[in-house]
Amino acid sequence: MDNPSIITQVTNPKEEEILSCTQDKVSQCNISLKKQRSRSIFSTLFCCFRDYNVEPPSTNSTSTLPPLVEENGGLQKPPAKYLLPELTVLDYGKKCVVIDLDETLVHSSFKVYVLKRPHVDEFLQRMGELFECVLFTASLAKYADPVADLLDRWGVFRARLFRESCVFHRGNYVKDLSRLGRELSKVIIVDNSPASYIFHPENAVPVQSWFDDMTDTELLDLIPFFEGLSREEEVYSMLHKLCNR
């Protein structure tokens, strides 16, 4: 249900149609990427306590920007700076891949453990070679940051963005790619939730939500696609083909 006191500046009269269409395409994209493979599956289990309390986006953080919202009839000013720092020499010329955490790379359960998705290590290492990689999750930093420390042993993620960097829109924490400070034609988001990228569905590589299927090969199957995408001038043509196979 809409929160009448919170309305984002970003408006889209067809957003519900876009979300519905995007959800329909998730299955199509997953089918087109699936290949018959016979590989050994492995997983790593590590302890981590997760706080599931729902908190509103923080407006007091000095390290991240508050969400763009309209309150009491007045619009907030556009952000003074972008969410990401300037590109480093190491990443100059690379496209930016924004990667979700929960149900995309890992699954946490009962505040006790976090289970890694099969082939997440291979996927992250290859993404770090090809792209500027950013972790962007709607989870709280006090949960997601320790998980990322254990998950990313190679320093793949150049930046980590958490719930306070999202836009709270119609009951969802949306990842507004226009606030990153990168050219949108060179930005890809990998996420299991269409609601997370409802503002930019044309930039998305949808993935199936993962919970505990240790025969899953989706991250492994995505690697050749991303290798090809890294060589393209812009992302839209190849992403359009992916979701319309």
Protein backbone atom coordinates (compact mmCIF):
# COMPACT_ATOMS: atom_id res chain seq x y z
CA MET A 1 0.00 0.00 0.00
CA ASP A 2 1.30 3.46 -0.88
CA ASN A 3 2.61 5.61 1.91
CA PRO A 4 0.81 8.96 1.39
CA SER A 5 3.59 10.90 3.11
CA ILE A 6 6.41 9.58 0.93
CA ILE A 7 6.39 10.23 -2.81
CA THR A 8 9.53 10.12 -4.93
CA GLN A 9 10.49 12.73 -7.46
CA VAL A 10 10.89 9.97 -10.02
CA THR A 11 7.48 9.45 -11.55
CA ASN A 12 6.49 7.00 -14.24
CA PRO A 13 2.83 6.65 -15.24
CA LYS A 14 3.54 3.23 -16.73
CA GLU A 15 5.66 1.87 -13.89
CA GLU A 16 3.12 -0.80 -12.87
CA GLU A 17 2.98 -1.99 -16.48
CA ILE A 18 6.78 -2.01 -16.63
CA LEU A 19 7.04 -4.02 -13.40
CA SER A 20 4.52 -6.57 -14.63
CA CYS A 21 6.28 -6.87 -17.97
CA THR A 22 9.68 -7.19 -16.30
CA GLN A 23 8.46 -9.95 -14.02
CA ASP A 24 7.16 -11.85 -17.04
CA LYS A 25 10.55 -11.57 -18.71
CA VAL A 26 12.53 -12.93 -15.77
CA SER A 27 11.59 -16.50 -16.62
CA GLN A 28 12.34 -15.93 -20.32
CA CYS A 29 15.80 -14.57 -19.53
CA ASN A 30 16.58 -17.44 -17.18
CA ILE A 31 15.51 -20.04 -19.74
CA SER A 32 17.68 -18.49 -22.44
CA LEU A 33 20.74 -18.56 -20.17
CA LYS A 34 20.35 -22.11 -18.85
CA LYS A 35 22.69 -24.70 -20.34
CA GLN A 36 23.09 -28.40 -19.76
CA ARG A 37 26.13 -28.80 -17.55
CA SER A 38 27.57 -31.56 -15.43
CA ARG A 39 29.72 -29.96 -12.78
CA SER A 40 30.54 -30.51 -9.17
CA ILE A 41 28.66 -28.20 -6.83
CA PHE A 42 30.07 -26.74 -3.68
CA SER A 43 28.92 -24.33 -1.01
CA THR A 44 30.29 -22.51 1.98
CA LEU A 45 28.37 -21.98 5.16
CA PHE A 46 29.29 -19.22 7.54
CA CYS A 47 27.65 -17.70 10.59
CA CYS A 48 26.20 -14.25 10.48
CA PHE A 49 23.49 -12.59 12.52
CA ARG A 50 20.96 -10.62 10.47
CA ASP A 51 18.68 -7.88 11.71
CA TYR A 52 15.32 -8.03 9.91
CA ASN A 53 13.80 -4.95 11.55
CA VAL A 54 12.32 -2.61 8.95
CA GLU A 55 13.72 0.88 9.26
CA PRO A 56 13.03 3.95 7.12
CA PRO A 57 15.85 5.28 4.95
CA SER A 58 18.27 7.32 7.02
CA THR A 59 18.55 11.02 6.23
CA ASN A 60 21.38 11.62 8.71
CA SER A 61 24.10 9.63 6.98
CA THR A 62 27.09 11.67 5.88
CA SER A 63 28.48 8.95 3.63
CA THR A 64 25.42 8.36 1.48
CA LEU A 65 22.68 10.49 0.04
CA PRO A 66 19.12 10.63 1.39
CA PRO A 67 16.44 9.32 -0.97
CA LEU A 68 14.72 11.79 -3.26
CA VAL A 69 11.29 12.24 -1.70
CA GLU A 70 8.48 14.72 -1.57
CA GLU A 71 7.30 15.52 1.94
CA ASN A 72 4.71 18.00 3.21
CA GLY A 73 4.20 19.35 -0.28
CA GLY A 74 7.84 20.32 -0.82
CA LEU A 75 10.43 18.74 -3.09
CA GLN A 76 13.91 18.05 -1.83
CA LYS A 77 16.74 19.41 -3.92
CA PRO A 78 18.59 17.04 -6.27
CA PRO A 79 21.59 15.31 -4.66
CA ALA A 80 24.72 17.44 -4.42
CA LYS A 81 26.91 14.49 -5.35
CA TYR A 82 26.57 11.01 -6.78
CA LEU A 83 26.59 7.76 -4.84
CA LEU A 84 29.82 6.48 -6.38
CA PRO A 85 33.24 8.11 -6.23
CA GLU A 86 35.15 9.12 -9.33
CA LEU A 87 36.41 6.28 -11.51
CA THR A 88 39.86 4.99 -10.69
CA VAL A 89 42.54 4.43 -13.30
CA LEU A 90 42.04 0.69 -12.80
CA ASP A 91 38.40 0.88 -13.91
CA TYR A 92 38.66 3.57 -16.57
CA GLY A 93 36.84 2.50 -19.73
CA LYS A 94 34.99 -0.35 -18.02
CA LYS A 95 31.24 -0.64 -17.69
CA CYS A 96 29.67 -0.65 -14.25
CA VAL A 97 27.92 -3.77 -12.96
CA VAL A 98 25.65 -3.29 -9.96
CA ILE A 99 25.16 -6.60 -8.13
CA ASP A 100 22.47 -7.45 -5.59
CA LEU A 101 23.21 -9.56 -2.51
CA ASP A 102 20.26 -11.49 -1.03
CA GLU A 103 18.74 -14.23 -3.19
CA THR A 104 21.17 -13.22 -5.97
CA LEU A 105 24.56 -14.14 -4.49
CA VAL A 106 23.55 -15.58 -1.12
CA HIS A 107 20.55 -16.65 0.95
CA SER A 108 20.23 -16.08 4.68
CA SER A 109 17.83 -17.97 6.92
CA PHE A 110 16.52 -17.74 10.48
CA LYS A 111 19.14 -15.13 11.49
CA VAL A 112 21.67 -17.97 11.79
CA TYR A 113 23.58 -18.47 8.56
CA VAL A 114 24.23 -17.23 5.07
CA LEU A 115 24.52 -19.79 2.28
CA LYS A 116 26.55 -18.98 -0.83
CA ARG A 117 25.01 -19.58 -4.23
CA PRO A 118 26.89 -22.19 -6.30
CA HIS A 119 29.64 -20.71 -8.50
CA VAL A 120 29.52 -17.31 -6.81
CA ASP A 121 33.31 -17.29 -6.46
CA GLU A 122 33.91 -17.83 -10.18
CA PHE A 123 31.29 -15.25 -11.04
CA LEU A 124 32.66 -12.52 -8.79
CA GLN A 125 36.27 -13.06 -9.82
CA ARG A 126 35.39 -12.80 -13.52
CA MET A 127 33.16 -9.77 -12.99
CA GLY A 128 36.01 -8.04 -11.15
CA GLU A 129 38.28 -8.59 -14.15
CA LEU A 130 35.79 -7.26 -16.69
CA PHE A 131 33.85 -4.49 -14.93
CA GLU A 132 33.73 -1.87 -12.24
CA CYS A 133 31.67 -3.85 -9.70
CA VAL A 134 29.38 -2.31 -7.10
CA LEU A 135 27.45 -4.14 -4.39
CA PHE A 136 24.00 -2.55 -4.04
CA THR A 137 21.61 -4.10 -1.53
CA ALA A 138 18.42 -2.97 0.20
CA SER A 139 19.64 -4.70 3.36
CA LEU A 140 21.02 -2.81 6.33
CA ALA A 141 24.75 -2.17 6.35
CA LYS A 142 25.22 -3.83 9.74
CA TYR A 143 24.15 -7.13 8.16
CA ALA A 144 25.35 -6.77 4.58
CA ASP A 145 28.81 -5.29 5.20
CA PRO A 146 30.12 -8.27 7.25
CA VAL A 147 28.62 -10.66 4.70
CA ALA A 148 30.37 -8.81 1.88
CA ASP A 149 33.66 -8.98 3.80
CA LEU A 150 33.42 -12.76 3.90
CA LEU A 151 32.05 -13.13 0.37
CA ASP A 152 34.43 -10.84 -1.52
CA ARG A 153 37.90 -12.17 -0.77
CA TRP A 154 39.38 -10.55 -3.89
CA GLY A 155 38.24 -6.96 -3.41
CA VAL A 156 35.93 -7.13 -6.41
CA PHE A 157 33.46 -4.54 -5.10
CA ARG A 158 34.80 -1.02 -5.62
CA ALA A 159 31.91 0.36 -3.56
CA ARG A 160 29.12 -0.95 -1.34
CA LEU A 161 25.71 0.69 -1.22
CA PHE A 162 23.04 -0.22 1.32
CA ARG A 163 19.43 0.54 2.20
CA GLU A 164 19.99 4.22 2.89
CA SER A 165 21.18 4.68 -0.70
CA CYS A 166 17.89 3.36 -2.10
CA VAL A 167 14.82 5.38 -2.99
CA PHE A 168 11.81 4.34 -0.90
CA HIS A 169 9.04 4.15 -3.48
CA ARG A 170 5.60 2.59 -3.07
CA GLY A 171 6.68 0.30 -0.30
CA ASN A 172 9.87 -0.86 -2.05
CA TYR A 173 13.53 0.10 -1.78
CA VAL A 174 14.42 0.95 -5.38
CA LYS A 175 17.97 1.19 -6.69
CA ASP A 176 18.00 4.36 -8.77
CA LEU A 177 20.85 3.87 -11.23
CA SER A 178 20.74 7.52 -12.32
CA ARG A 179 22.18 8.48 -8.91
CA LEU A 180 25.36 6.42 -9.32
CA GLY A 181 27.28 8.97 -11.35
CA ARG A 182 27.89 6.66 -14.28
CA GLU A 183 26.64 6.85 -17.88
CA LEU A 184 23.45 4.78 -17.92
CA SER A 185 24.25 3.21 -21.28
CA LYS A 186 27.24 1.58 -19.57
CA VAL A 187 25.49 0.38 -16.39
CA ILE A 188 24.06 -3.11 -15.76
CA ILE A 189 22.17 -4.25 -12.68
CA VAL A 190 22.05 -7.94 -11.69
CA ASP A 191 19.13 -8.52 -9.36
CA ASN A 192 16.46 -11.09 -8.56
CA SER A 193 13.79 -8.49 -7.76
CA PRO A 194 12.18 -6.49 -10.62
CA ALA A 195 10.92 -3.96 -8.05
CA SER A 196 14.54 -3.06 -7.28
CA TYR A 197 15.20 -1.77 -10.79
CA ILE A 198 11.73 -0.56 -11.77
CA PHE A 199 13.17 2.85 -12.74
CA HIS A 200 15.63 1.27 -15.21
CA PRO A 201 14.35 -2.15 -16.40
CA GLU A 202 16.25 -1.77 -19.67
CA ASN A 203 19.54 -1.96 -17.72
CA ALA A 204 18.73 -5.20 -15.91
CA VAL A 205 19.97 -8.74 -16.14
CA PRO A 206 17.24 -10.57 -14.19
CA VAL A 207 18.25 -13.64 -12.22
CA GLN A 208 16.12 -16.26 -10.57
CA SER A 209 15.78 -15.93 -6.80
CA TRP A 210 18.04 -18.49 -5.13
CA PHE A 211 17.46 -20.14 -1.77
CA ASP A 212 19.11 -23.55 -1.43
CA ASP A 213 19.29 -25.36 -4.79
CA MET A 214 22.87 -26.60 -4.87
CA THR A 215 22.53 -27.74 -8.49
CA ASP A 216 21.96 -24.16 -9.64
CA THR A 217 24.31 -22.96 -12.41
CA GLU A 218 22.84 -19.56 -13.23
CA LEU A 219 25.85 -17.49 -12.15
CA LEU A 220 28.16 -19.79 -14.09
CA ASP A 221 25.93 -19.58 -17.17
CA LEU A 222 25.98 -15.79 -17.02
CA ILE A 223 29.76 -15.48 -17.34
CA PRO A 224 29.98 -15.93 -21.16
CA PHE A 225 27.16 -13.42 -21.61
CA PHE A 226 28.98 -10.82 -19.51
CA GLU A 227 32.23 -11.50 -21.34
CA GLY A 228 30.48 -10.52 -24.56
CA LEU A 229 28.73 -7.57 -22.97
CA SER A 230 32.04 -6.15 -21.73
CA ARG A 231 33.13 -5.70 -25.35
CA GLU A 232 30.00 -3.82 -26.46
CA GLU A 233 29.92 -0.04 -26.86
CA GLU A 234 26.67 0.21 -24.88
CA VAL A 235 24.55 -2.28 -22.95
CA TYR A 236 21.03 -1.79 -24.29
CA SER A 237 21.21 -3.74 -27.55
CA MET A 238 22.59 -6.91 -25.97
CA LEU A 239 20.29 -6.73 -22.94
CA HIS A 240 17.29 -6.29 -25.22
CA LYS A 241 18.28 -9.41 -27.16
CA LEU A 242 18.77 -11.35 -23.94
CA CYS A 243 15.26 -10.72 -22.64
CA ASN A 244 13.54 -11.20 -25.98
CA ARG A 245 14.88 -14.61 -26.94
